[in-house]
Amino acid sequence: MQIIDLGIGWEWEHDSDFVLALDQSCQGTGLSSYLVHPHNLEETRERVRQGSLRFSVFLDRASDNVESMKVLVRCLKGQGAWIINDPEHLPRANDKATMHLELLAHGIHVPYTIIIGLHEGDNVDRVPELQEIGVPFIIKPANGGGGRGVILGAQGKVDVVQARKALWADKMLLQEEIRPAQLPGGMAWFRTFLVGEHVHLCWWNRENGHYRPVLPDEEHKFGLAGLRRITEEIGKICGLILFSTEIALSRGGQFVAIDYVNDQPDFRPQSKARDGVPDSVLRGIVTDIVQWVRHNAQHEKNEEARK
């Protein structure tokens, strides 16, 4: 049997730089890696089924779009592989309504939010009073990512009814608009990445999607250590190994989690895409993934040797 330290399932063409960097980093540190793409997916599934191929860790970047990859991931999990991210945790982690309540219960500041159930909000009489969230406010689906279905600048109940027509199959969140503080380093809006136990901090421009790293002296000077604590706490709550989250520092001086969990961060490098992740941050993320794999793949090998 061939045991691979890290399998990488991918299908999005713009993931190629990230996948190549991860593959090369594994090879450079003595770990074995194996890329699974739609072109070799069936062959891989057959080898796994026959027992000639096994993965210690599998990074899933494709099963949300490729059903056959989802089948492979379920099979690998059943064989004891570590999955990044575990599919059992994803429905809960990706449900913004559920995570909103979870974060609130754990003392993490979140925007004032009204959750509209599946069968609510289809006419103005079935929309709660909105005074508490203020105007304008934001409407977003409980599920989905990449800004899909999000409505900015909503003004009242009529906007909620219109949104319900488009989001008829999902819960909706009506959220107050958080106004971030202005720091010398820029608008206090951040996107952070968790990889295992490591956190990477970025300033993030919500207008154009542009990132830049939070420098160590900025983190100290502007008191941004809370970003790490909140990201780590969200990781404990959602149970994911790799994700990004969006956090703002409000004008009142509170860190507020805005977009709770993105389990499939866009890892295009900034050198290739203006709104991509800074290359230095991406290198750090790759390094942390490899270190996490090294630790857990060795554990898997030790378990195998004891059998």
Protein backbone atom coordinates (compact mmCIF):
# COMPACT_ATOMS: atom_id res chain seq x y z
CA MET A 1 0.00 0.00 0.00
CA GLN A 2 1.17 3.53 -0.81
CA ILE A 3 0.56 5.95 2.08
CA ILE A 4 0.64 9.62 1.08
CA ASP A 5 1.23 12.30 3.71
CA LEU A 6 -0.92 14.94 2.02
CA GLY A 7 -3.52 14.60 -0.70
CA ILE A 8 -4.73 17.84 -2.29
CA GLY A 9 -8.12 17.80 -3.95
CA TRP A 10 -8.68 20.80 -6.20
CA GLU A 11 -10.55 21.88 -9.33
CA TRP A 12 -10.54 25.72 -9.53
CA GLU A 13 -8.00 26.91 -12.10
CA HIS A 14 -7.03 29.89 -9.92
CA ASP A 15 -5.98 27.51 -7.14
CA SER A 16 -3.03 26.33 -9.24
CA ASP A 17 -0.41 28.65 -7.69
CA PHE A 18 -1.45 27.75 -4.15
CA VAL A 19 -1.59 24.02 -4.92
CA LEU A 20 1.81 24.09 -6.66
CA ALA A 21 3.38 25.99 -3.73
CA LEU A 22 1.92 23.49 -1.27
CA ASP A 23 3.06 20.52 -3.36
CA GLN A 24 6.59 21.90 -3.68
CA SER A 25 6.79 22.73 0.03
CA CYS A 26 5.84 19.14 0.89
CA GLN A 27 8.47 17.75 -1.45
CA GLY A 28 11.07 20.16 -0.09
CA THR A 29 10.50 19.06 3.49
CA GLY A 30 10.40 15.34 2.87
CA LEU A 31 6.64 14.85 2.88
CA SER A 32 4.86 12.97 0.12
CA SER A 33 2.01 14.72 -1.69
CA TYR A 34 -0.51 13.68 -4.30
CA LEU A 35 -2.72 16.00 -6.35
CA VAL A 36 -6.29 14.93 -7.05
CA HIS A 37 -8.02 16.82 -9.87
CA PRO A 38 -11.09 15.87 -11.90
CA HIS A 39 -8.77 14.41 -14.57
CA ASN A 40 -7.42 11.71 -12.19
CA LEU A 41 -10.25 11.59 -9.66
CA GLU A 42 -11.81 8.30 -10.79
CA GLU A 43 -8.42 6.57 -10.94
CA THR A 44 -7.67 7.80 -7.42
CA ARG A 45 -11.04 6.65 -6.09
CA GLU A 46 -10.46 3.20 -7.57
CA ARG A 47 -7.00 2.89 -6.01
CA VAL A 48 -8.38 3.93 -2.64
CA ARG A 49 -11.26 1.46 -2.99
CA GLN A 50 -8.87 -1.37 -3.85
CA GLY A 51 -6.64 -0.52 -0.90
CA SER A 52 -3.49 0.33 -2.86
CA LEU A 53 -3.56 4.03 -1.93
CA ARG A 54 -4.12 5.77 1.38
CA PHE A 55 -3.82 9.35 2.62
CA SER A 56 -2.82 10.49 6.11
CA VAL A 57 -4.18 14.01 5.51
CA PHE A 58 -6.41 15.25 2.69
CA LEU A 59 -6.94 18.94 1.89
CA ASP A 60 -10.33 19.32 0.24
CA ARG A 61 -10.63 22.30 -2.10
CA ALA A 62 -13.15 20.79 -4.49
CA SER A 63 -15.96 18.72 -3.01
CA ASP A 64 -18.29 21.73 -2.77
CA ASN A 65 -18.33 21.77 -6.59
CA VAL A 66 -17.42 18.19 -7.57
CA GLU A 67 -19.75 15.51 -6.27
CA SER A 68 -17.27 12.69 -6.97
CA MET A 69 -14.69 14.45 -4.81
CA LYS A 70 -17.24 14.50 -2.00
CA VAL A 71 -17.58 10.73 -2.34
CA LEU A 72 -13.79 10.33 -2.16
CA VAL A 73 -13.57 12.56 0.92
CA ARG A 74 -16.24 10.53 2.72
CA CYS A 75 -14.36 7.34 1.89
CA LEU A 76 -11.03 8.74 3.12
CA LYS A 77 -12.59 9.97 6.34
CA GLY A 78 -14.08 6.52 6.86
CA GLN A 79 -10.56 5.07 6.53
CA GLY A 80 -9.25 7.39 9.23
CA ALA A 81 -7.64 10.19 7.20
CA TRP A 82 -7.54 13.72 8.61
CA ILE A 83 -9.68 15.93 6.36
CA ILE A 84 -9.06 19.66 6.02
CA ASN A 85 -11.82 20.60 6.67
CA ASP A 86 -13.82 17.77 8.25
CA PRO A 87 -17.10 17.57 6.29
CA GLU A 88 -19.02 16.79 9.48
CA HIS A 89 -18.25 20.28 10.81
CA LEU A 90 -19.05 22.22 7.63
CA PRO A 91 -22.87 22.48 7.72
CA ARG A 92 -22.75 24.07 11.17
CA ALA A 93 -19.67 26.20 10.50
CA ASN A 94 -21.08 27.57 7.23
CA ASP A 95 -24.50 28.44 8.64
CA LYS A 96 -24.17 32.12 9.55
CA ALA A 97 -27.33 32.05 11.66
CA THR A 98 -26.01 29.18 13.77
CA MET A 99 -22.53 30.68 14.08
CA HIS A 100 -23.97 34.07 14.99
CA LEU A 101 -25.71 32.52 17.99
CA GLU A 102 -22.65 30.43 18.89
CA LEU A 103 -20.29 33.41 18.82
CA LEU A 104 -22.73 35.48 20.83
CA ALA A 105 -22.97 32.72 23.43
CA HIS A 106 -19.15 32.62 23.70
CA GLY A 107 -18.86 36.35 24.33
CA ILE A 108 -17.61 37.40 20.88
CA HIS A 109 -19.01 40.72 19.70
CA VAL A 110 -21.11 40.41 16.53
CA PRO A 111 -23.32 42.92 14.70
CA TYR A 112 -26.83 43.38 16.04
CA THR A 113 -28.73 40.84 13.95
CA ILE A 114 -32.30 39.76 13.27
CA ILE A 115 -32.53 36.19 11.95
CA ILE A 116 -35.37 35.64 9.49
CA GLY A 117 -36.53 32.01 9.30
CA LEU A 118 -37.33 30.12 6.12
CA HIS A 119 -41.03 30.90 6.25
CA GLU A 120 -40.76 34.50 7.41
CA GLY A 121 -40.29 37.82 5.67
CA ASP A 122 -42.42 37.13 2.60
CA ASN A 123 -44.55 40.23 3.23
CA VAL A 124 -44.07 43.40 5.23
CA ASP A 125 -46.38 42.17 8.00
CA ARG A 126 -44.08 39.19 8.56
CA VAL A 127 -40.92 41.29 8.92
CA PRO A 128 -39.92 42.22 12.51
CA GLU A 129 -39.44 45.83 13.51
CA LEU A 130 -36.05 47.08 12.36
CA GLN A 131 -35.33 50.06 14.60
CA GLU A 132 -32.60 48.25 16.54
CA ILE A 133 -30.41 47.54 13.49
CA GLY A 134 -30.62 51.06 12.09
CA VAL A 135 -30.50 52.26 8.49
CA PRO A 136 -28.87 51.34 6.24
CA PHE A 137 -28.52 47.67 7.15
CA ILE A 138 -27.19 44.52 5.49
CA ILE A 139 -29.14 41.47 4.31
CA LYS A 140 -27.25 38.22 3.83
CA PRO A 141 -28.17 34.56 3.34
CA ALA A 142 -27.34 32.20 6.19
CA ASN A 143 -25.45 29.93 3.78
CA GLY A 144 -23.10 30.72 0.92
CA GLY A 145 -19.94 32.75 0.56
CA GLY A 146 -18.02 35.09 -1.68
CA GLY A 147 -20.57 37.84 -1.15
CA ARG A 148 -23.25 35.92 -3.07
CA GLY A 149 -26.74 37.07 -2.15
CA VAL A 150 -25.51 39.86 0.15
CA ILE A 151 -27.46 43.13 -0.12
CA LEU A 152 -25.80 46.29 1.15
CA GLY A 153 -27.58 49.51 1.95
CA ALA A 154 -31.01 48.05 2.70
CA GLN A 155 -33.44 50.69 3.92
CA GLY A 156 -36.53 48.94 5.22
CA LYS A 157 -39.05 46.10 5.23
CA VAL A 158 -39.69 46.27 1.49
CA ASP A 159 -36.02 45.43 0.87
CA VAL A 160 -36.38 42.40 3.16
CA VAL A 161 -39.43 41.16 1.22
CA GLN A 162 -37.57 41.60 -2.08
CA ALA A 163 -34.56 39.72 -0.69
CA ARG A 164 -36.81 36.89 0.46
CA LYS A 165 -37.93 36.33 -3.16
CA ALA A 166 -34.31 35.71 -4.17
CA LEU A 167 -33.33 33.84 -0.99
CA TRP A 168 -36.50 31.78 -0.69
CA ALA A 169 -34.63 28.57 0.25
CA ASP A 170 -32.45 29.97 3.03
CA LYS A 171 -32.60 31.77 6.34
CA MET A 172 -31.62 35.44 6.19
CA LEU A 173 -29.64 37.67 8.53
CA LEU A 174 -30.49 41.34 8.82
CA GLN A 175 -27.43 43.02 10.31
CA GLU A 176 -26.52 46.47 11.47
CA GLU A 177 -23.79 48.14 9.45
CA ILE A 178 -20.61 48.33 11.51
CA ARG A 179 -18.64 51.54 11.06
CA PRO A 180 -14.95 50.75 11.56
CA ALA A 181 -12.48 52.99 13.32
CA GLN A 182 -9.89 54.86 11.31
CA LEU A 183 -6.37 53.97 12.45
CA PRO A 184 -3.09 55.48 11.22
CA GLY A 185 -2.54 52.20 9.36
CA GLY A 186 -5.87 52.46 7.57
CA MET A 187 -9.53 51.60 8.02
CA ALA A 188 -9.77 49.08 10.88
CA TRP A 189 -11.24 46.23 8.84
CA PHE A 190 -9.34 42.95 8.84
CA ARG A 191 -9.35 39.48 7.34
CA THR A 192 -7.56 36.83 9.35
CA PHE A 193 -6.62 33.24 8.52
CA LEU A 194 -6.40 30.32 10.92
CA VAL A 195 -4.18 27.35 10.05
CA GLY A 196 -4.20 24.82 12.87
CA GLU A 197 -3.07 26.94 15.81
CA HIS A 198 -1.48 29.74 13.77
CA VAL A 199 -3.19 33.02 12.86
CA HIS A 200 -2.27 35.35 9.99
CA LEU A 201 -3.52 38.93 10.12
CA CYS A 202 -4.28 41.20 7.16
CA TRP A 203 -5.71 44.66 6.72
CA TRP A 204 -8.56 44.30 4.26
CA ASN A 205 -10.19 46.99 2.15
CA ARG A 206 -13.84 46.03 1.85
CA GLU A 207 -14.31 48.46 -1.05
CA ASN A 208 -11.80 46.90 -3.45
CA GLY A 209 -10.86 43.63 -1.71
CA HIS A 210 -7.20 44.63 -1.39
CA TYR A 211 -5.11 43.04 1.38
CA ARG A 212 -1.90 43.94 3.09
CA PRO A 213 -0.25 42.16 6.03
CA VAL A 214 -0.57 43.53 9.55
CA LEU A 215 3.04 44.21 10.48
CA PRO A 216 4.31 43.15 13.93
CA ASP A 217 4.86 46.74 15.04
CA GLU A 218 1.33 47.67 13.86
CA GLU A 219 -0.16 44.81 15.85
CA HIS A 220 1.57 46.13 18.98
CA LYS A 221 1.12 49.86 18.31
CA PHE A 222 -2.61 49.66 17.47
CA GLY A 223 -3.51 46.99 20.03
CA LEU A 224 -4.58 44.38 17.48
CA ALA A 225 -3.70 41.24 19.45
CA GLY A 226 -7.43 40.74 20.00
CA LEU A 227 -7.70 39.70 16.35
CA ARG A 228 -5.68 36.58 17.13
CA ARG A 229 -7.70 35.72 20.21
CA ILE A 230 -11.02 36.05 18.39
CA THR A 231 -9.83 34.03 15.39
CA GLU A 232 -8.56 31.27 17.66
CA GLU A 233 -11.83 31.25 19.60
CA ILE A 234 -13.88 31.02 16.38
CA GLY A 235 -11.68 28.07 15.41
CA LYS A 236 -12.54 26.28 18.65
CA ILE A 237 -16.23 26.98 18.16
CA CYS A 238 -16.50 25.88 14.52
CA GLY A 239 -14.00 23.00 14.71
CA LEU A 240 -12.25 23.81 11.42
CA ILE A 241 -8.52 23.57 10.81
CA LEU A 242 -8.27 26.09 7.96
CA PHE A 243 -10.53 29.10 7.39
CA SER A 244 -10.68 32.87 7.18
CA THR A 245 -12.85 35.32 9.07
CA GLU A 246 -13.61 39.02 8.83
CA ILE A 247 -13.26 41.28 11.88
CA ALA A 248 -13.67 45.04 12.30
CA LEU A 249 -12.57 47.34 15.08
CA SER A 250 -15.60 49.55 15.69
CA ARG A 251 -15.44 53.26 16.38
CA GLY A 252 -16.46 52.35 19.91
CA GLY A 253 -13.24 50.33 20.30
CA GLN A 254 -14.70 46.80 20.13
CA PHE A 255 -13.55 44.01 17.85
CA VAL A 256 -16.63 42.77 16.00
CA ALA A 257 -16.74 39.52 14.01
CA ILE A 258 -18.46 40.34 10.72
CA ASP A 259 -18.28 37.39 8.32
CA TYR A 260 -17.84 34.48 10.65
CA VAL A 261 -16.35 31.48 8.82
CA ASN A 262 -15.12 31.05 5.24
CA ASP A 263 -13.97 27.44 4.92
CA GLN A 264 -12.71 27.90 1.34
CA PRO A 265 -10.58 31.07 1.37
CA ASP A 266 -9.54 32.51 -1.97
CA PHE A 267 -5.81 31.74 -2.09
CA ARG A 268 -4.88 33.51 -5.31
CA PRO A 269 -1.53 35.26 -4.72
CA GLN A 270 -1.47 39.04 -4.82
CA SER A 271 1.34 38.91 -7.37
CA LYS A 272 -1.20 37.40 -9.81
CA ALA A 273 -4.43 39.09 -8.67
CA ARG A 274 -4.80 42.55 -7.16
CA ASP A 275 -7.36 41.30 -4.64
CA GLY A 276 -5.37 38.17 -3.82
CA VAL A 277 -3.68 37.23 -0.56
CA PRO A 278 -0.28 38.90 -0.04
CA ASP A 279 2.42 36.51 -1.21
CA SER A 280 4.23 36.63 2.13
CA VAL A 281 1.04 35.70 3.98
CA LEU A 282 0.32 32.92 1.51
CA ARG A 283 3.82 31.50 2.02
CA GLY A 284 3.19 31.50 5.76
CA ILE A 285 -0.13 29.70 5.29
CA VAL A 286 1.54 27.06 3.10
CA THR A 287 4.30 26.57 5.69
CA ASP A 288 1.76 26.18 8.49
CA ILE A 289 -0.28 23.63 6.52
CA VAL A 290 2.87 21.59 5.86
CA GLN A 291 3.86 21.73 9.54
CA TRP A 292 0.37 20.63 10.56
CA VAL A 293 0.51 17.77 8.05
CA ARG A 294 3.98 16.73 9.25
CA HIS A 295 2.74 16.43 12.83
CA ASN A 296 -0.47 14.56 12.00
CA ALA A 297 0.96 12.39 9.21
CA GLN A 298 3.68 11.18 11.59
CA HIS A 299 1.00 10.34 14.13
CA GLU A 300 -0.84 8.35 11.46
CA LYS A 301 2.35 6.49 10.51
CA ASN A 302 3.06 5.64 14.14
CA GLU A 303 -0.47 4.27 14.51
CA GLU A 304 -0.05 2.21 11.33
CA ALA A 305 3.28 0.83 12.55
CA ARG A 306 1.67 -0.33 15.82
CA LYS A 307 -0.93 -2.41 13.98
